[in-house]
PDB file of all heavy atoms in Angstrom:
ATOM      1  N   ARG A   1      13.764  13.829  10.242  1.00  0.00           N
ATOM      2  CA  ARG A   1      12.632  14.201  11.041  1.00  0.00           C
ATOM      3  C   ARG A   1      12.500  15.734  11.145  1.00  0.00           C
ATOM      4  O   ARG A   1      13.493  16.479  11.189  1.00  0.00           O
ATOM      5  CB  ARG A   1      12.782  13.659  12.492  1.00  0.00           C
ATOM      6  CG  ARG A   1      12.804  12.177  12.609  1.00  0.00           C
ATOM      7  CD  ARG A   1      12.751  11.782  14.017  1.00  0.00           C
ATOM      8  NE  ARG A   1      12.829  10.347  14.277  1.00  0.00           N
ATOM      9  CZ  ARG A   1      13.887   9.677  14.764  1.00  0.00           C
ATOM     10  NH1 ARG A   1      14.975  10.341  15.087  1.00  0.00           N
ATOM     11  NH2 ARG A   1      13.803   8.386  14.897  1.00  0.00           N
ATOM     12  N   LEU A   2      11.259  16.168  11.268  1.00  0.00           N
ATOM     13  CA  LEU A   2      10.926  17.545  11.640  1.00  0.00           C
ATOM     14  C   LEU A   2       9.894  17.426  12.768  1.00  0.00           C
ATOM     15  O   LEU A   2       8.739  17.764  12.651  1.00  0.00           O
ATOM     16  CB  LEU A   2      10.269  18.241  10.416  1.00  0.00           C
ATOM     17  CG  LEU A   2      11.109  18.321   9.133  1.00  0.00           C
ATOM     18  CD1 LEU A   2      10.284  18.797   7.959  1.00  0.00           C
ATOM     19  CD2 LEU A   2      12.390  19.142   9.330  1.00  0.00           C
ATOM     20  N   THR A   3      10.439  16.982  13.901  1.00  0.00           N
ATOM     21  CA  THR A   3       9.545  16.576  15.023  1.00  0.00           C
ATOM     22  C   THR A   3       8.710  17.715  15.518  1.00  0.00           C
ATOM     23  O   THR A   3       7.542  17.556  15.927  1.00  0.00           O
ATOM     24  CB  THR A   3      10.440  16.001  16.145  1.00  0.00           C
ATOM     25  OG1 THR A   3      11.312  14.956  15.671  1.00  0.00           O
ATOM     26  CG2 THR A   3       9.568  15.509  17.295  1.00  0.00           C
ATOM     27  N   SER A   4       9.282  18.907  15.638  1.00  0.00           N
ATOM     28  CA  SER A   4       8.537  20.030  16.152  1.00  0.00           C
ATOM     29  C   SER A   4       7.294  20.330  15.352  1.00  0.00           C
ATOM     30  O   SER A   4       6.264  20.900  15.835  1.00  0.00           O
ATOM     31  CB  SER A   4       9.468  21.289  16.259  1.00  0.00           C
ATOM     32  OG  SER A   4       9.858  21.612  14.952  1.00  0.00           O
ATOM     33  N   GLN A   5       7.328  20.049  14.056  1.00  0.00           N
ATOM     34  CA  GLN A   5       6.215  20.277  13.091  1.00  0.00           C
ATOM     35  C   GLN A   5       5.473  18.926  12.798  1.00  0.00           C
ATOM     36  O   GLN A   5       4.570  18.969  11.903  1.00  0.00           O
ATOM     37  CB  GLN A   5       6.695  20.917  11.842  1.00  0.00           C
ATOM     38  CG  GLN A   5       7.123  22.338  12.007  1.00  0.00           C
ATOM     39  CD  GLN A   5       5.971  23.345  12.192  1.00  0.00           C
ATOM     40  OE1 GLN A   5       5.102  23.359  11.322  1.00  0.00           O
ATOM     41  NE2 GLN A   5       5.969  24.069  13.264  1.00  0.00           N
ATOM     42  N   GLN A   6       5.772  17.873  13.460  1.00  0.00           N
ATOM     43  CA  GLN A   6       5.119  16.614  13.254  1.00  0.00           C
ATOM     44  C   GLN A   6       5.180  16.168  11.735  1.00  0.00           C
ATOM     45  O   GLN A   6       4.218  15.628  11.187  1.00  0.00           O
ATOM     46  CB  GLN A   6       3.682  16.623  13.704  1.00  0.00           C
ATOM     47  CG  GLN A   6       3.533  16.994  15.149  1.00  0.00           C
ATOM     48  CD  GLN A   6       3.965  15.869  16.033  1.00  0.00           C
ATOM     49  OE1 GLN A   6       3.371  14.801  16.138  1.00  0.00           O
ATOM     50  NE2 GLN A   6       5.030  16.162  16.792  1.00  0.00           N
ATOM     51  N   ALA A   7       6.344  16.463  11.094  1.00  0.00           N
ATOM     52  CA  ALA A   7       6.482  16.214   9.700  1.00  0.00           C
ATOM     53  C   ALA A   7       7.819  15.467   9.404  1.00  0.00           C
ATOM     54  O   ALA A   7       8.626  15.282  10.342  1.00  0.00           O
ATOM     55  CB  ALA A   7       6.437  17.566   8.855  1.00  0.00           C
ATOM     56  N   MET A   8       8.094  15.106   8.154  1.00  0.00           N
ATOM     57  CA  MET A   8       9.312  14.427   7.792  1.00  0.00           C
ATOM     58  C   MET A   8       9.563  14.662   6.315  1.00  0.00           C
ATOM     59  O   MET A   8       8.760  14.955   5.525  1.00  0.00           O
ATOM     60  CB  MET A   8       9.198  12.997   8.198  1.00  0.00           C
ATOM     61  CG  MET A   8       8.154  12.183   7.438  1.00  0.00           C
ATOM     62  SD  MET A   8       7.895  10.529   8.156  1.00  0.00           S
ATOM     63  CE  MET A   8       9.546   9.809   7.853  1.00  0.00           C
ATOM     64  N   ILE A   9      10.850  14.386   5.977  1.00  0.00           N
ATOM     65  CA  ILE A   9      11.278  14.440   4.588  1.00  0.00           C
ATOM     66  C   ILE A   9      11.964  13.106   4.316  1.00  0.00           C
ATOM     67  O   ILE A   9      12.749  12.666   5.082  1.00  0.00           O
ATOM     68  CB  ILE A   9      12.265  15.597   4.318  1.00  0.00           C
ATOM     69  CG1 ILE A   9      11.514  16.973   4.497  1.00  0.00           C
ATOM     70  CG2 ILE A   9      12.843  15.485   2.927  1.00  0.00           C
ATOM     71  CD1 ILE A   9      12.449  18.123   4.469  1.00  0.00           C
ATOM     72  N   ASN A  10      11.620  12.513   3.120  1.00  0.00           N
ATOM     73  CA  ASN A  10      12.273  11.237   2.826  1.00  0.00           C
ATOM     74  C   ASN A  10      12.574  11.197   1.347  1.00  0.00           C
ATOM     75  O   ASN A  10      11.941  11.813   0.514  1.00  0.00           O
ATOM     76  CB  ASN A  10      11.377  10.003   3.136  1.00  0.00           C
ATOM     77  CG  ASN A  10      10.428   9.686   2.070  1.00  0.00           C
ATOM     78  OD1 ASN A  10      10.768   8.950   1.090  1.00  0.00           O
ATOM     79  ND2 ASN A  10       9.134  10.156   2.182  1.00  0.00           N
ATOM     80  N   ARG A  11      13.717  10.514   1.033  1.00  0.00           N
ATOM     81  CA  ARG A  11      14.085  10.297  -0.363  1.00  0.00           C
ATOM     82  C   ARG A  11      14.523   8.842  -0.518  1.00  0.00           C
ATOM     83  O   ARG A  11      15.644   8.525  -0.935  1.00  0.00           O
ATOM     84  CB  ARG A  11      15.169  11.305  -0.805  1.00  0.00           C
ATOM     85  CG  ARG A  11      16.445  11.371   0.095  1.00  0.00           C
ATOM     86  CD  ARG A  11      17.545  12.173  -0.581  1.00  0.00           C
ATOM     87  NE  ARG A  11      18.781  12.271   0.171  1.00  0.00           N
ATOM     88  CZ  ARG A  11      19.069  13.328   0.959  1.00  0.00           C
ATOM     89  NH1 ARG A  11      18.280  14.355   0.951  1.00  0.00           N
ATOM     90  NH2 ARG A  11      20.224  13.269   1.636  1.00  0.00           N
ATOM     91  N   TYR A  12      13.666   7.926  -0.046  1.00  0.00           N
ATOM     92  CA  TYR A  12      13.976   6.520  -0.158  1.00  0.00           C
ATOM     93  C   TYR A  12      14.360   6.112  -1.490  1.00  0.00           C
ATOM     94  O   TYR A  12      15.313   5.298  -1.694  1.00  0.00           O
ATOM     95  CB  TYR A  12      12.788   5.720   0.350  1.00  0.00           C
ATOM     96  CG  TYR A  12      12.598   5.534   1.780  1.00  0.00           C
ATOM     97  CD1 TYR A  12      11.571   6.184   2.500  1.00  0.00           C
ATOM     98  CD2 TYR A  12      13.460   4.670   2.524  1.00  0.00           C
ATOM     99  CE1 TYR A  12      11.424   6.024   3.830  1.00  0.00           C
ATOM    100  CE2 TYR A  12      13.333   4.535   3.880  1.00  0.00           C
ATOM    101  CZ  TYR A  12      12.320   5.269   4.565  1.00  0.00           C
ATOM    102  OH  TYR A  12      12.151   5.064   5.892  1.00  0.00           O
ATOM    103  N   GLY A  13      13.662   6.607  -2.552  1.00  0.00           N
ATOM    104  CA  GLY A  13      13.993   6.152  -3.900  1.00  0.00           C
ATOM    105  C   GLY A  13      13.423   4.793  -4.208  1.00  0.00           C
ATOM    106  O   GLY A  13      14.012   4.046  -5.021  1.00  0.00           O
ATOM    107  N   LEU A  14      12.249   4.445  -3.614  1.00  0.00           N
ATOM    108  CA  LEU A  14      11.619   3.173  -3.856  1.00  0.00           C
ATOM    109  C   LEU A  14      12.514   1.983  -3.603  1.00  0.00           C
ATOM    110  O   LEU A  14      12.736   1.111  -4.486  1.00  0.00           O
ATOM    111  CB  LEU A  14      10.994   3.130  -5.327  1.00  0.00           C
ATOM    112  CG  LEU A  14       9.777   3.963  -5.520  1.00  0.00           C
ATOM    113  CD1 LEU A  14       9.467   4.025  -7.019  1.00  0.00           C
ATOM    114  CD2 LEU A  14       8.606   3.419  -4.696  1.00  0.00           C
ATOM    115  N   ASN A  15      13.137   1.980  -2.462  1.00  0.00           N
ATOM    116  CA  ASN A  15      13.890   0.740  -2.074  1.00  0.00           C
ATOM    117  C   ASN A  15      12.952  -0.453  -2.006  1.00  0.00           C
ATOM    118  O   ASN A  15      11.888  -0.354  -1.355  1.00  0.00           O
ATOM    119  CB  ASN A  15      14.667   0.945  -0.784  1.00  0.00           C
ATOM    120  CG  ASN A  15      13.716   1.316   0.369  1.00  0.00           C
ATOM    121  OD1 ASN A  15      12.927   2.272   0.214  1.00  0.00           O
ATOM    122  ND2 ASN A  15      13.861   0.635   1.435  1.00  0.00           N
ATOM    123  N   SER A  16      13.294  -1.602  -2.618  1.00  0.00           N
ATOM    124  CA  SER A  16      12.366  -2.714  -2.684  1.00  0.00           C
ATOM    125  C   SER A  16      13.161  -4.005  -2.742  1.00  0.00           C
ATOM    126  O   SER A  16      14.230  -4.065  -3.278  1.00  0.00           O
ATOM    127  CB  SER A  16      11.466  -2.535  -3.899  1.00  0.00           C
ATOM    128  OG  SER A  16      10.700  -3.759  -4.076  1.00  0.00           O
ATOM    129  N   GLU A  17      12.559  -5.002  -2.192  1.00  0.00           N
ATOM    130  CA  GLU A  17      13.109  -6.341  -2.283  1.00  0.00           C
ATOM    131  C   GLU A  17      12.729  -7.059  -3.592  1.00  0.00           C
ATOM    132  O   GLU A  17      13.154  -8.209  -3.839  1.00  0.00           O
ATOM    133  CB  GLU A  17      12.779  -7.201  -1.068  1.00  0.00           C
ATOM    134  CG  GLU A  17      13.283  -6.713   0.244  1.00  0.00           C
ATOM    135  CD  GLU A  17      12.937  -7.637   1.402  1.00  0.00           C
ATOM    136  OE1 GLU A  17      12.140  -8.563   1.180  1.00  0.00           O
ATOM    137  OE2 GLU A  17      13.426  -7.352   2.512  1.00  0.00           O
ATOM    138  N   GLY A  18      11.889  -6.454  -4.355  1.00  0.00           N
ATOM    139  CA  GLY A  18      11.497  -6.992  -5.639  1.00  0.00           C
ATOM    140  C   GLY A  18      10.094  -7.677  -5.564  1.00  0.00           C
ATOM    141  O   GLY A  18       9.683  -8.179  -4.549  1.00  0.00           O
ATOM    142  N   ALA A  19       9.421  -7.776  -6.707  1.00  0.00           N
ATOM    143  CA  ALA A  19       8.129  -8.282  -6.756  1.00  0.00           C
ATOM    144  C   ALA A  19       8.046  -9.813  -6.390  1.00  0.00           C
ATOM    145  O   ALA A  19       7.162 -10.287  -5.722  1.00  0.00           O
ATOM    146  CB  ALA A  19       7.487  -8.149  -8.192  1.00  0.00           C
ATOM    147  N   ASP A  20       9.110 -10.544  -6.742  1.00  0.00           N
ATOM    148  CA  ASP A  20       9.126 -11.966  -6.492  1.00  0.00           C
ATOM    149  C   ASP A  20       9.176 -12.241  -4.978  1.00  0.00           C
ATOM    150  O   ASP A  20       8.506 -13.148  -4.465  1.00  0.00           O
ATOM    151  CB  ASP A  20      10.351 -12.634  -7.179  1.00  0.00           C
ATOM    152  CG  ASP A  20      10.182 -12.651  -8.659  1.00  0.00           C
ATOM    153  OD1 ASP A  20       9.632 -13.566  -9.162  1.00  0.00           O
ATOM    154  OD2 ASP A  20      10.643 -11.692  -9.335  1.00  0.00           O
ATOM    155  N   HIS A  21      10.014 -11.476  -4.234  1.00  0.00           N
ATOM    156  CA  HIS A  21      10.086 -11.691  -2.769  1.00  0.00           C
ATOM    157  C   HIS A  21       8.849 -11.287  -2.093  1.00  0.00           C
ATOM    158  O   HIS A  21       8.352 -12.053  -1.172  1.00  0.00           O
ATOM    159  CB  HIS A  21      11.290 -10.925  -2.234  1.00  0.00           C
ATOM    160  CG  HIS A  21      12.646 -11.438  -2.600  1.00  0.00           C
ATOM    161  ND1 HIS A  21      13.216 -12.532  -1.946  1.00  0.00           N
ATOM    162  CD2 HIS A  21      13.521 -11.127  -3.602  1.00  0.00           C
ATOM    163  CE1 HIS A  21      14.375 -12.782  -2.439  1.00  0.00           C
ATOM    164  NE2 HIS A  21      14.568 -11.962  -3.514  1.00  0.00           N
ATOM    165  N   VAL A  22       8.225 -10.136  -2.464  1.00  0.00           N
ATOM    166  CA  VAL A  22       7.016  -9.734  -1.784  1.00  0.00           C
ATOM    167  C   VAL A  22       5.866 -10.749  -2.160  1.00  0.00           C
ATOM    168  O   VAL A  22       5.065 -11.076  -1.280  1.00  0.00           O
ATOM    169  CB  VAL A  22       6.636  -8.330  -2.257  1.00  0.00           C
ATOM    170  CG1 VAL A  22       5.297  -7.934  -1.711  1.00  0.00           C
ATOM    171  CG2 VAL A  22       7.745  -7.304  -1.806  1.00  0.00           C
ATOM    172  N   ALA A  23       5.830 -11.199  -3.390  1.00  0.00           N
ATOM    173  CA  ALA A  23       4.823 -12.223  -3.796  1.00  0.00           C
ATOM    174  C   ALA A  23       4.946 -13.499  -2.986  1.00  0.00           C
ATOM    175  O   ALA A  23       3.992 -14.074  -2.602  1.00  0.00           O
ATOM    176  CB  ALA A  23       4.881 -12.468  -5.288  1.00  0.00           C
ATOM    177  N   MET A  24       6.196 -13.907  -2.684  1.00  0.00           N
ATOM    178  CA  MET A  24       6.415 -15.076  -1.910  1.00  0.00           C
ATOM    179  C   MET A  24       5.847 -14.919  -0.501  1.00  0.00           C
ATOM    180  O   MET A  24       5.226 -15.855  -0.006  1.00  0.00           O
ATOM    181  CB  MET A  24       7.922 -15.358  -1.856  1.00  0.00           C
ATOM    182  CG  MET A  24       8.275 -16.611  -0.966  1.00  0.00           C
ATOM    183  SD  MET A  24      10.067 -16.765  -0.791  1.00  0.00           S
ATOM    184  CE  MET A  24      10.427 -15.297   0.218  1.00  0.00           C
ATOM    185  N   ARG A  25       6.096 -13.768   0.117  1.00  0.00           N
ATOM    186  CA  ARG A  25       5.577 -13.536   1.456  1.00  0.00           C
ATOM    187  C   ARG A  25       4.040 -13.585   1.463  1.00  0.00           C
ATOM    188  O   ARG A  25       3.427 -14.190   2.312  1.00  0.00           O
ATOM    189  CB  ARG A  25       6.036 -12.195   1.990  1.00  0.00           C
ATOM    190  CG  ARG A  25       7.509 -12.225   2.350  1.00  0.00           C
ATOM    191  CD  ARG A  25       7.857 -11.065   3.191  1.00  0.00           C
ATOM    192  NE  ARG A  25       9.263 -11.004   3.575  1.00  0.00           N
ATOM    193  CZ  ARG A  25      10.177 -10.383   2.865  1.00  0.00           C
ATOM    194  NH1 ARG A  25       9.823  -9.599   1.852  1.00  0.00           N
ATOM    195  NH2 ARG A  25      11.461 -10.435   3.241  1.00  0.00           N
ATOM    196  N   LEU A  26       3.404 -12.960   0.455  1.00  0.00           N
ATOM    197  CA  LEU A  26       1.938 -12.911   0.372  1.00  0.00           C
ATOM    198  C   LEU A  26       1.414 -14.296   0.078  1.00  0.00           C
ATOM    199  O   LEU A  26       0.371 -14.690   0.581  1.00  0.00           O
ATOM    200  CB  LEU A  26       1.518 -11.939  -0.715  1.00  0.00           C
ATOM    201  CG  LEU A  26       1.842 -10.425  -0.394  1.00  0.00           C
ATOM    202  CD1 LEU A  26       1.405  -9.540  -1.602  1.00  0.00           C
ATOM    203  CD2 LEU A  26       1.123  -9.959   0.846  1.00  0.00           C
ATOM    204  N   ARG A  27       2.117 -15.071  -0.757  1.00  0.00           N
ATOM    205  CA  ARG A  27       1.648 -16.435  -1.076  1.00  0.00           C
ATOM    206  C   ARG A  27       1.717 -17.359   0.195  1.00  0.00           C
ATOM    207  O   ARG A  27       0.772 -18.046   0.495  1.00  0.00           O
ATOM    208  CB  ARG A  27       2.506 -17.075  -2.160  1.00  0.00           C
ATOM    209  CG  ARG A  27       2.037 -18.468  -2.508  1.00  0.00           C
ATOM    210  CD  ARG A  27       2.918 -19.027  -3.633  1.00  0.00           C
ATOM    211  NE  ARG A  27       4.298 -19.286  -3.235  1.00  0.00           N
ATOM    212  CZ  ARG A  27       5.299 -18.542  -3.802  1.00  0.00           C
ATOM    213  NH1 ARG A  27       5.132 -17.636  -4.671  1.00  0.00           N
ATOM    214  NH2 ARG A  27       6.585 -18.810  -3.329  1.00  0.00           N
ATOM    215  N   ASN A  28       2.800 -17.208   0.977  1.00  0.00           N
ATOM    216  CA  ASN A  28       2.933 -17.943   2.184  1.00  0.00           C
ATOM    217  C   ASN A  28       1.839 -17.607   3.164  1.00  0.00           C
ATOM    218  O   ASN A  28       1.364 -18.466   3.939  1.00  0.00           O
ATOM    219  CB  ASN A  28       4.298 -17.809   2.783  1.00  0.00           C
ATOM    220  CG  ASN A  28       5.438 -18.411   1.957  1.00  0.00           C
ATOM    221  OD1 ASN A  28       5.131 -19.294   1.177  1.00  0.00           O
ATOM    222  ND2 ASN A  28       6.651 -17.902   2.192  1.00  0.00           N
ATOM    223  N   ARG A  29       1.483 -16.328   3.198  1.00  0.00           N
ATOM    224  CA  ARG A  29       0.411 -15.846   4.063  1.00  0.00           C
ATOM    225  C   ARG A  29      -0.919 -16.469   3.691  1.00  0.00           C
ATOM    226  O   ARG A  29      -1.712 -16.924   4.554  1.00  0.00           O
ATOM    227  CB  ARG A  29       0.289 -14.326   4.022  1.00  0.00           C
ATOM    228  CG  ARG A  29      -0.831 -13.699   4.784  1.00  0.00           C
ATOM    229  CD  ARG A  29      -0.721 -12.217   4.763  1.00  0.00           C
ATOM    230  NE  ARG A  29      -1.825 -11.577   5.485  1.00  0.00           N
ATOM    231  CZ  ARG A  29      -2.936 -11.128   4.850  1.00  0.00           C
ATOM    232  NH1 ARG A  29      -2.988 -11.216   3.514  1.00  0.00           N
ATOM    233  NH2 ARG A  29      -3.915 -10.602   5.461  1.00  0.00           N
ATOM    234  N   VAL A  30      -1.208 -16.524   2.401  1.00  0.00           N
ATOM    235  CA  VAL A  30      -2.430 -17.201   1.938  1.00  0.00           C
ATOM    236  C   VAL A  30      -2.437 -18.694   2.297  1.00  0.00           C
ATOM    237  O   VAL A  30      -3.430 -19.245   2.712  1.00  0.00           O
ATOM    238  CB  VAL A  30      -2.623 -17.007   0.414  1.00  0.00           C
ATOM    239  CG1 VAL A  30      -3.819 -17.842  -0.130  1.00  0.00           C
ATOM    240  CG2 VAL A  30      -2.851 -15.573   0.078  1.00  0.00           C
ATOM    241  N   ARG A  31      -1.278 -19.356   2.130  1.00  0.00           N
ATOM    242  CA  ARG A  31      -1.210 -20.795   2.387  1.00  0.00           C
ATOM    243  C   ARG A  31      -1.382 -21.063   3.895  1.00  0.00           C
ATOM    244  O   ARG A  31      -1.931 -22.103   4.344  1.00  0.00           O
ATOM    245  CB  ARG A  31       0.054 -21.376   1.857  1.00  0.00           C
ATOM    246  CG  ARG A  31       0.083 -21.322   0.356  1.00  0.00           C
ATOM    247  CD  ARG A  31       1.244 -22.170  -0.216  1.00  0.00           C
ATOM    248  NE  ARG A  31       1.213 -22.116  -1.724  1.00  0.00           N
ATOM    249  CZ  ARG A  31       1.950 -22.832  -2.521  1.00  0.00           C
ATOM    250  NH1 ARG A  31       2.809 -23.760  -1.904  1.00  0.00           N
ATOM    251  NH2 ARG A  31       1.861 -22.763  -3.829  1.00  0.00           N
ATOM    252  N   ARG A  32      -0.796 -20.175   4.765  1.00  0.00           N
ATOM    253  CA  ARG A  32      -0.976 -20.358   6.184  1.00  0.00           C
ATOM    254  C   ARG A  32      -2.491 -20.232   6.518  1.00  0.00           C
ATOM    255  O   ARG A  32      -3.005 -20.944   7.418  1.00  0.00           O
ATOM    256  CB  ARG A  32      -0.221 -19.330   6.964  1.00  0.00           C
ATOM    257  CG  ARG A  32       1.303 -19.614   6.990  1.00  0.00           C
ATOM    258  CD  ARG A  32       2.021 -18.818   8.058  1.00  0.00           C
ATOM    259  NE  ARG A  32       1.872 -17.379   7.817  1.00  0.00           N
ATOM    260  CZ  ARG A  32       2.747 -16.608   7.089  1.00  0.00           C
ATOM    261  NH1 ARG A  32       3.777 -17.253   6.520  1.00  0.00           N
ATOM    262  NH2 ARG A  32       2.527 -15.354   6.893  1.00  0.00           N
ATOM    263  N   PHE A  33      -3.141 -19.259   5.880  1.00  0.00           N
ATOM    264  CA  PHE A  33      -4.620 -19.090   6.093  1.00  0.00           C
ATOM    265  C   PHE A  33      -5.332 -20.345   5.715  1.00  0.00           C
ATOM    266  O   PHE A  33      -6.261 -20.803   6.392  1.00  0.00           O
ATOM    267  CB  PHE A  33      -5.049 -17.842   5.333  1.00  0.00           C
ATOM    268  CG  PHE A  33      -6.489 -17.618   5.507  1.00  0.00           C
ATOM    269  CD1 PHE A  33      -7.049 -16.970   6.669  1.00  0.00           C
ATOM    270  CD2 PHE A  33      -7.387 -17.943   4.485  1.00  0.00           C
ATOM    271  CE1 PHE A  33      -8.414 -16.779   6.767  1.00  0.00           C
ATOM    272  CE2 PHE A  33      -8.759 -17.682   4.584  1.00  0.00           C
ATOM    273  CZ  PHE A  33      -9.238 -17.105   5.738  1.00  0.00           C
ATOM    274  N   ALA A  34      -5.010 -20.865   4.506  1.00  0.00           N
ATOM    275  CA  ALA A  34      -5.679 -22.066   3.995  1.00  0.00           C
ATOM    276  C   ALA A  34      -5.450 -23.226   4.997  1.00  0.00           C
ATOM    277  O   ALA A  34      -6.361 -23.996   5.236  1.00  0.00           O
ATOM    278  CB  ALA A  34      -5.146 -22.402   2.589  1.00  0.00           C
ATOM    279  N   HIS A  35      -4.253 -23.344   5.490  1.00  0.00           N
ATOM    280  CA  HIS A  35      -3.975 -24.394   6.458  1.00  0.00           C
ATOM    281  C   HIS A  35      -4.792 -24.268   7.690  1.00  0.00           C
ATOM    282  O   HIS A  35      -5.263 -25.297   8.281  1.00  0.00           O
ATOM    283  CB  HIS A  35      -2.431 -24.394   6.766  1.00  0.00           C
ATOM    284  CG  HIS A  35      -2.029 -25.504   7.697  1.00  0.00           C
ATOM    285  ND1 HIS A  35      -1.929 -26.784   7.310  1.00  0.00           N
ATOM    286  CD2 HIS A  35      -1.764 -25.446   9.060  1.00  0.00           C
ATOM    287  CE1 HIS A  35      -1.551 -27.568   8.359  1.00  0.00           C
ATOM    288  NE2 HIS A  35      -1.410 -26.749   9.420  1.00  0.00           N
ATOM    289  N   SER A  36      -5.032 -23.029   8.163  1.00  0.00           N
ATOM    290  CA  SER A  36      -5.827 -22.841   9.344  1.00  0.00           C
ATOM    291  C   SER A  36      -7.261 -23.268   9.109  1.00  0.00           C
ATOM    292  O   SER A  36      -7.985 -23.541  10.089  1.00  0.00           O
ATOM    293  CB  SER A  36      -5.813 -21.356   9.801  1.00  0.00           C
ATOM    294  OG  SER A  36      -6.455 -20.562   8.868  1.00  0.00           O
ATOM    295  N   LEU A  37      -7.723 -23.279   7.890  1.00  0.00           N
ATOM    296  CA  LEU A  37      -9.092 -23.716   7.571  1.00  0.00           C
ATOM    297  C   LEU A  37      -9.177 -25.238   7.381  1.00  0.00           C
ATOM    298  O   LEU A  37     -10.326 -25.729   7.098  1.00  0.00           O
ATOM    299  CB  LEU A  37      -9.589 -22.991   6.258  1.00  0.00           C
ATOM    300  CG  LEU A  37      -9.672 -21.479   6.346  1.00  0.00           C
ATOM    301  CD1 LEU A  37     -10.118 -20.929   5.020  1.00  0.00           C
ATOM    302  CD2 LEU A  37     -10.608 -21.033   7.465  1.00  0.00           C
ATOM    303  N   GLY A  38      -8.075 -25.945   7.367  1.00  0.00           N
ATOM    304  CA  GLY A  38      -8.094 -27.360   7.088  1.00  0.00           C
ATOM    305  C   GLY A  38      -8.038 -27.740   5.637  1.00  0.00           C
ATOM    306  O   GLY A  38      -8.291 -28.866   5.334  1.00  0.00           O
ATOM    307  N   LEU A  39      -7.632 -26.754   4.807  1.00  0.00           N
ATOM    308  CA  LEU A  39      -7.534 -27.001   3.338  1.00  0.00           C
ATOM    309  C   LEU A  39      -6.141 -27.537   2.966  1.00  0.00           C
ATOM    310  O   LEU A  39      -5.950 -27.913   1.811  1.00  0.00           O
ATOM    311  CB  LEU A  39      -7.850 -25.779   2.533  1.00  0.00           C
ATOM    312  CG  LEU A  39      -9.242 -25.207   2.678  1.00  0.00           C
ATOM    313  CD1 LEU A  39      -9.316 -23.872   2.033  1.00  0.00           C
ATOM    314  CD2 LEU A  39     -10.228 -26.166   2.035  1.00  0.00           C
ATOM    315  N   GLY A  40      -5.228 -27.485   3.841  1.00  0.00           N
ATOM    316  CA  GLY A  40      -3.826 -27.822   3.479  1.00  0.00           C
ATOM    317  C   GLY A  40      -3.025 -26.528   3.214  1.00  0.00           C
ATOM    318  O   GLY A  40      -3.538 -25.405   3.282  1.00  0.00           O
ATOM    319  N   ASP A  41      -1.749 -26.679   2.781  1.00  0.00           N
ATOM    320  CA  ASP A  41      -0.940 -25.521   2.551  1.00  0.00           C
ATOM    321  C   ASP A  41      -0.161 -25.626   1.185  1.00  0.00           C
ATOM    322  O   ASP A  41       0.924 -25.102   1.124  1.00  0.00           O
ATOM    323  CB  ASP A  41       0.089 -25.333   3.676  1.00  0.00           C
ATOM    324  CG  ASP A  41       0.960 -26.549   3.944  1.00  0.00           C
ATOM    325  OD1 ASP A  41       0.763 -27.529   3.216  1.00  0.00           O
ATOM    326  OD2 ASP A  41       1.810 -26.528   4.881  1.00  0.00           O
ATOM    327  N   ASP A  42      -0.807 -26.319   0.221  1.00  0.00           N
ATOM    328  CA  ASP A  42      -0.134 -26.443  -1.040  1.00  0.00           C
ATOM    329  C   ASP A  42      -0.857 -25.543  -2.091  1.00  0.00           C
ATOM    330  O   ASP A  42      -1.656 -24.696  -1.709  1.00  0.00           O
ATOM    331  CB  ASP A  42      -0.238 -27.949  -1.477  1.00  0.00           C
ATOM    332  CG  ASP A  42      -1.629 -28.436  -1.548  1.00  0.00           C
ATOM    333  OD1 ASP A  42      -2.593 -27.621  -1.338  1.00  0.00           O
ATOM    334  OD2 ASP A  42      -1.842 -29.650  -1.769  1.00  0.00           O
TER     335      ASP A  42
END
């Protein structure tokens, strides 16, 4: 943190759970939305 200047420095290095895990979350989100419309969740 550089709070006094409302700034920050990061070197995360693109930490990621991987494309498959993120895709799974997004797919489940779409299926929950479909279920809310009465289309099912498959």
